[in-house]
Amino acid sequence: MPTQRGYRQACGVARGLDIVGERWSLLVVRELLLGPKRFTDLQQALPTASPNALSDRLRELADAGVLRRRQLPPPGNVRVYELTTWGRGLESIVVALGTWALAAPPTAEQLFVSADSAMLSIRTFFVPTPEQPEATLRIDLGDHGPAGVFGVRLTSAGAEVTHEPPEEPDAVLLTTTDALLAAFGSDDLAGLVAAGAVIIGDSEVVRHLVAGVRVPASIDKYSNGTSGQGGHADRRQRLSER
């Protein structure tokens, strides 16, 4: 914990910021919400973080009890970082912060969206349809390589997302992060396919997924909460903040 730069206040907010308020800390937490990762995986997801800065944040978060280091057994035999039970309690805070920030339009520099960030949008904003049967998908975000492979399970309660794809999914979606984000909220797969996506299996399952991800419309923070009317491009822009 970087106490030398701490707030020195007993308030819970200040104490929380002493733990996760350093640059990159909450983004490291975001990247571990869907499961453990290697250092190189975190570097790929946070490309503008220097190796030293990332190492410092990981050490500080481990010292604070937010995450832990673990050695995977053979054949993996690599060191990974994962959230502790206490660290997982930050998920609702990270999601709330990301949703709140949708009111602030991204700058020209804020364009990169990590694979896990895009998939967390599914887990956060998917609105289930009670009459829709449960279904599973494998999603491959080709622009992220092996780190872009996910499993999704759609249930009456929402969408479960993991880094472990199902062995026999109802549908497989091969696409890119940009194309997926642009498709959220659309009831038509034409745009997704036109962007180069490949769908294997039940296309209705893919349609149900993308149509059900309803990202909140941007809000003009200077207009008493009046909702804006954004299209697919706006949806992609909004999610670049997550």
Protein backbone atom coordinates (compact mmCIF):
# COMPACT_ATOMS: atom_id res chain seq x y z
CA MET A 1 0.00 0.00 0.00
CA PRO A 2 1.55 3.36 -1.02
CA THR A 3 1.10 4.91 2.45
CA GLN A 4 3.75 7.54 1.77
CA ARG A 5 1.28 9.14 -0.60
CA GLY A 6 -1.79 8.26 1.43
CA TYR A 7 -4.59 10.61 2.40
CA ARG A 8 -4.09 10.06 6.15
CA GLN A 9 -7.83 10.14 6.78
CA ALA A 10 -9.97 7.58 8.61
CA CYS A 11 -12.87 7.96 6.14
CA GLY A 12 -13.64 4.71 4.33
CA VAL A 13 -13.42 6.44 0.94
CA ALA A 14 -9.94 7.75 1.71
CA ARG A 15 -8.84 4.37 3.07
CA GLY A 16 -10.16 2.69 -0.05
CA LEU A 17 -8.29 5.11 -2.28
CA ASP A 18 -5.12 4.45 -0.29
CA ILE A 19 -5.49 0.83 -1.44
CA VAL A 20 -6.76 1.09 -5.04
CA GLY A 21 -6.38 4.76 -5.90
CA GLU A 22 -3.02 4.54 -7.61
CA ARG A 23 -2.91 4.68 -11.41
CA TRP A 24 -3.69 1.30 -13.04
CA SER A 25 -4.88 -0.31 -9.80
CA LEU A 26 -8.59 -0.50 -10.61
CA LEU A 27 -7.83 -1.49 -14.20
CA VAL A 28 -5.78 -4.40 -12.90
CA VAL A 29 -8.80 -5.38 -10.80
CA ARG A 30 -11.03 -5.08 -13.86
CA GLU A 31 -8.77 -7.39 -15.82
CA LEU A 32 -8.91 -10.05 -13.10
CA LEU A 33 -12.68 -10.09 -12.61
CA LEU A 34 -13.14 -12.88 -15.16
CA GLY A 35 -10.32 -15.02 -13.81
CA PRO A 36 -6.56 -15.21 -13.18
CA LYS A 37 -3.99 -13.85 -15.62
CA ARG A 38 -0.28 -13.98 -16.25
CA PHE A 39 1.81 -10.82 -16.15
CA THR A 40 2.08 -10.90 -19.95
CA ASP A 41 -1.72 -11.12 -20.23
CA LEU A 42 -2.06 -8.03 -18.09
CA GLN A 43 0.53 -6.22 -20.20
CA GLN A 44 -1.48 -7.00 -23.32
CA ALA A 45 -4.67 -5.72 -21.70
CA LEU A 46 -2.98 -2.56 -20.36
CA PRO A 47 -0.59 -1.70 -23.21
CA THR A 48 0.25 1.82 -22.05
CA ALA A 49 1.25 0.72 -18.54
CA SER A 50 5.01 0.38 -18.21
CA PRO A 51 6.30 -2.97 -16.89
CA ASN A 52 7.62 -1.23 -13.78
CA ALA A 53 4.33 0.52 -13.06
CA LEU A 54 2.40 -2.71 -13.56
CA SER A 55 4.79 -4.62 -11.30
CA ASP A 56 4.44 -1.94 -8.62
CA ARG A 57 0.64 -2.07 -8.73
CA LEU A 58 0.58 -5.87 -8.56
CA ARG A 59 2.94 -5.87 -5.57
CA GLU A 60 0.95 -3.18 -3.76
CA LEU A 61 -2.39 -4.89 -4.39
CA ALA A 62 -0.95 -8.21 -3.24
CA ASP A 63 0.47 -6.62 -0.08
CA ALA A 64 -2.94 -5.08 0.61
CA GLY A 65 -4.72 -8.42 0.22
CA VAL A 66 -6.65 -7.47 -2.93
CA LEU A 67 -4.97 -10.10 -5.09
CA ARG A 68 -2.57 -12.98 -4.74
CA ARG A 69 0.09 -14.69 -6.81
CA ARG A 70 -0.34 -18.37 -7.55
CA GLN A 71 1.70 -20.95 -9.42
CA LEU A 72 -0.36 -23.09 -11.77
CA PRO A 73 0.37 -26.83 -11.65
CA PRO A 74 1.82 -28.63 -14.69
CA PRO A 75 1.36 -28.53 -17.60
CA GLY A 76 0.64 -24.82 -17.13
CA ASN A 77 3.42 -24.25 -14.58
CA VAL A 78 3.21 -20.45 -14.82
CA ARG A 79 2.61 -17.75 -12.24
CA VAL A 80 -0.75 -16.01 -12.37
CA TYR A 81 -2.42 -13.22 -10.46
CA GLU A 82 -5.96 -13.60 -9.15
CA LEU A 83 -8.31 -11.63 -6.93
CA THR A 84 -8.84 -12.69 -3.36
CA THR A 85 -12.36 -13.02 -1.99
CA TRP A 86 -11.99 -9.54 -0.54
CA GLY A 87 -10.66 -8.21 -3.82
CA ARG A 88 -13.67 -9.60 -5.69
CA GLY A 89 -15.79 -7.28 -3.58
CA LEU A 90 -14.51 -4.49 -5.82
CA GLU A 91 -16.51 -5.78 -8.80
CA SER A 92 -19.65 -3.79 -8.00
CA ILE A 93 -17.51 -0.68 -7.48
CA VAL A 94 -15.67 -1.12 -10.79
CA VAL A 95 -18.94 -1.75 -12.65
CA ALA A 96 -20.64 1.23 -11.01
CA LEU A 97 -17.69 3.50 -11.82
CA GLY A 98 -17.62 2.36 -15.43
CA THR A 99 -21.37 2.87 -15.81
CA TRP A 100 -21.21 6.30 -14.18
CA ALA A 101 -18.38 7.35 -16.53
CA LEU A 102 -20.49 6.63 -19.63
CA ALA A 103 -21.77 10.18 -19.15
CA ALA A 104 -18.31 11.49 -20.04
CA PRO A 105 -17.50 11.19 -23.76
CA PRO A 106 -14.08 9.61 -24.40
CA THR A 107 -11.25 11.69 -25.74
CA ALA A 108 -9.50 11.02 -29.05
CA GLU A 109 -6.87 9.02 -27.13
CA GLN A 110 -9.36 6.80 -25.30
CA LEU A 111 -10.04 4.23 -28.03
CA PHE A 112 -8.51 0.96 -26.85
CA VAL A 113 -10.91 -1.59 -25.33
CA SER A 114 -9.46 -4.72 -23.76
CA ALA A 115 -11.07 -8.08 -24.44
CA ASP A 116 -12.14 -8.49 -20.82
CA SER A 117 -13.60 -5.00 -20.74
CA ALA A 118 -15.78 -5.79 -23.75
CA MET A 119 -16.91 -9.08 -22.25
CA LEU A 120 -17.63 -7.47 -18.88
CA SER A 121 -20.07 -5.26 -20.76
CA ILE A 122 -21.97 -8.42 -21.67
CA ARG A 123 -22.05 -9.60 -18.08
CA THR A 124 -23.06 -6.15 -16.84
CA PHE A 125 -25.63 -5.01 -19.40
CA PHE A 126 -27.20 -8.18 -20.80
CA VAL A 127 -30.95 -8.16 -20.17
CA PRO A 128 -32.31 -11.73 -20.19
CA THR A 129 -35.56 -12.76 -21.83
CA PRO A 130 -37.45 -15.15 -19.53
CA GLU A 131 -38.89 -17.23 -22.36
CA GLN A 132 -35.51 -17.66 -24.05
CA PRO A 133 -33.97 -21.09 -23.31
CA GLU A 134 -30.49 -21.30 -21.83
CA ALA A 135 -27.69 -21.29 -24.38
CA THR A 136 -23.91 -21.31 -24.51
CA LEU A 137 -21.51 -19.53 -26.84
CA ARG A 138 -17.83 -19.44 -27.62
CA ILE A 139 -16.67 -15.95 -28.56
CA ASP A 140 -13.31 -15.43 -30.25
CA LEU A 141 -12.18 -11.80 -30.44
CA GLY A 142 -9.52 -12.25 -33.09
CA ASP A 143 -7.80 -8.93 -32.48
CA HIS A 144 -6.76 -10.13 -29.01
CA GLY A 145 -5.40 -13.56 -29.96
CA PRO A 146 -5.65 -16.33 -27.33
CA ALA A 147 -6.65 -13.74 -24.70
CA GLY A 148 -9.81 -13.05 -26.70
CA VAL A 149 -11.38 -16.49 -26.26
CA PHE A 150 -14.38 -16.62 -23.92
CA GLY A 151 -17.29 -18.76 -22.92
CA VAL A 152 -20.73 -17.22 -22.39
CA ARG A 153 -23.77 -18.87 -20.84
CA LEU A 154 -27.11 -17.12 -21.26
CA THR A 155 -29.65 -17.87 -18.54
CA SER A 156 -32.91 -16.42 -17.28
CA ALA A 157 -30.84 -14.54 -14.69
CA GLY A 158 -28.32 -12.94 -17.05
CA ALA A 159 -25.05 -13.71 -18.82
CA GLU A 160 -22.20 -15.67 -17.28
CA VAL A 161 -18.79 -14.96 -18.83
CA THR A 162 -15.57 -16.88 -18.31
CA HIS A 163 -12.25 -17.50 -20.02
CA GLU A 164 -13.22 -21.17 -20.38
CA PRO A 165 -15.24 -21.74 -23.58
CA PRO A 166 -17.78 -24.60 -23.54
CA GLU A 167 -16.79 -27.82 -25.27
CA GLU A 168 -20.01 -28.00 -27.28
CA PRO A 169 -21.43 -24.47 -27.55
CA ASP A 170 -24.73 -23.75 -29.22
CA ALA A 171 -22.99 -21.08 -31.28
CA VAL A 172 -19.50 -19.82 -32.03
CA LEU A 173 -18.88 -16.17 -32.87
CA LEU A 174 -15.60 -15.19 -34.53
CA THR A 175 -15.32 -11.43 -34.64
CA THR A 176 -13.36 -8.38 -33.46
CA THR A 177 -13.84 -6.21 -30.41
CA ASP A 178 -14.97 -3.20 -32.45
CA ALA A 179 -17.52 -5.22 -34.41
CA LEU A 180 -18.92 -6.79 -31.25
CA LEU A 181 -19.25 -3.48 -29.43
CA ALA A 182 -20.95 -1.90 -32.44
CA ALA A 183 -23.48 -4.75 -32.55
CA PHE A 184 -24.64 -4.42 -28.95
CA GLY A 185 -28.34 -3.61 -28.77
CA SER A 186 -29.03 -4.49 -32.40
CA ASP A 187 -31.70 -7.03 -33.29
CA ASP A 188 -30.13 -7.56 -36.72
CA LEU A 189 -26.91 -9.48 -37.34
CA ALA A 190 -26.35 -7.94 -40.77
CA GLY A 191 -23.97 -5.28 -39.49
CA LEU A 192 -21.96 -7.79 -37.51
CA VAL A 193 -21.63 -10.12 -40.51
CA ALA A 194 -20.80 -7.21 -42.80
CA ALA A 195 -17.94 -6.35 -40.43
CA GLY A 196 -16.45 -9.78 -41.12
CA ALA A 197 -17.90 -11.82 -38.26
CA VAL A 198 -18.32 -15.56 -38.73
CA ILE A 199 -21.14 -17.38 -36.96
CA ILE A 200 -21.06 -21.14 -36.56
CA GLY A 201 -24.07 -22.96 -35.17
CA ASP A 202 -27.30 -21.33 -34.03
CA SER A 203 -27.30 -17.71 -35.24
CA GLU A 204 -30.42 -17.04 -33.18
CA VAL A 205 -28.34 -17.49 -30.03
CA VAL A 206 -25.88 -14.86 -31.26
CA ARG A 207 -28.74 -12.52 -32.15
CA HIS A 208 -30.25 -12.99 -28.68
CA LEU A 209 -26.91 -12.16 -27.09
CA VAL A 210 -26.09 -8.97 -28.97
CA ALA A 211 -29.68 -7.70 -28.88
CA GLY A 212 -29.80 -8.23 -25.14
CA VAL A 213 -26.69 -6.17 -24.31
CA ARG A 214 -28.26 -2.79 -23.66
CA VAL A 215 -25.57 -0.32 -22.82
CA PRO A 216 -27.04 2.81 -21.22
CA ALA A 217 -27.31 5.75 -23.59
CA SER A 218 -24.85 8.58 -23.05
CA ILE A 219 -26.15 11.24 -20.70
CA ASP A 220 -25.36 14.92 -21.08
CA LYS A 221 -23.97 15.60 -17.62
CA TYR A 222 -24.82 19.28 -18.00
CA SER A 223 -28.49 18.80 -18.87
CA ASN A 224 -30.08 17.46 -15.67
CA GLY A 225 -29.76 13.84 -16.79
CA THR A 226 -31.50 14.05 -20.15
CA SER A 227 -30.66 10.91 -22.10
CA GLY A 228 -28.94 11.20 -25.43
CA GLN A 229 -29.86 9.20 -28.51
CA GLY A 230 -26.81 7.28 -29.66
CA GLY A 231 -26.36 4.80 -32.49
CA HIS A 232 -23.89 1.96 -32.87
CA ALA A 233 -20.92 4.28 -33.31
CA ASP A 234 -21.88 6.05 -30.08
CA ARG A 235 -22.16 2.69 -28.35
CA ARG A 236 -18.62 1.79 -29.41
CA GLN A 237 -17.40 5.19 -28.24
CA ARG A 238 -19.14 4.92 -24.88
CA LEU A 239 -17.64 1.54 -24.14
CA SER A 240 -14.12 2.73 -24.90
CA GLU A 241 -14.18 4.19 -21.40
CA ARG A 242 -14.75 0.79 -19.77
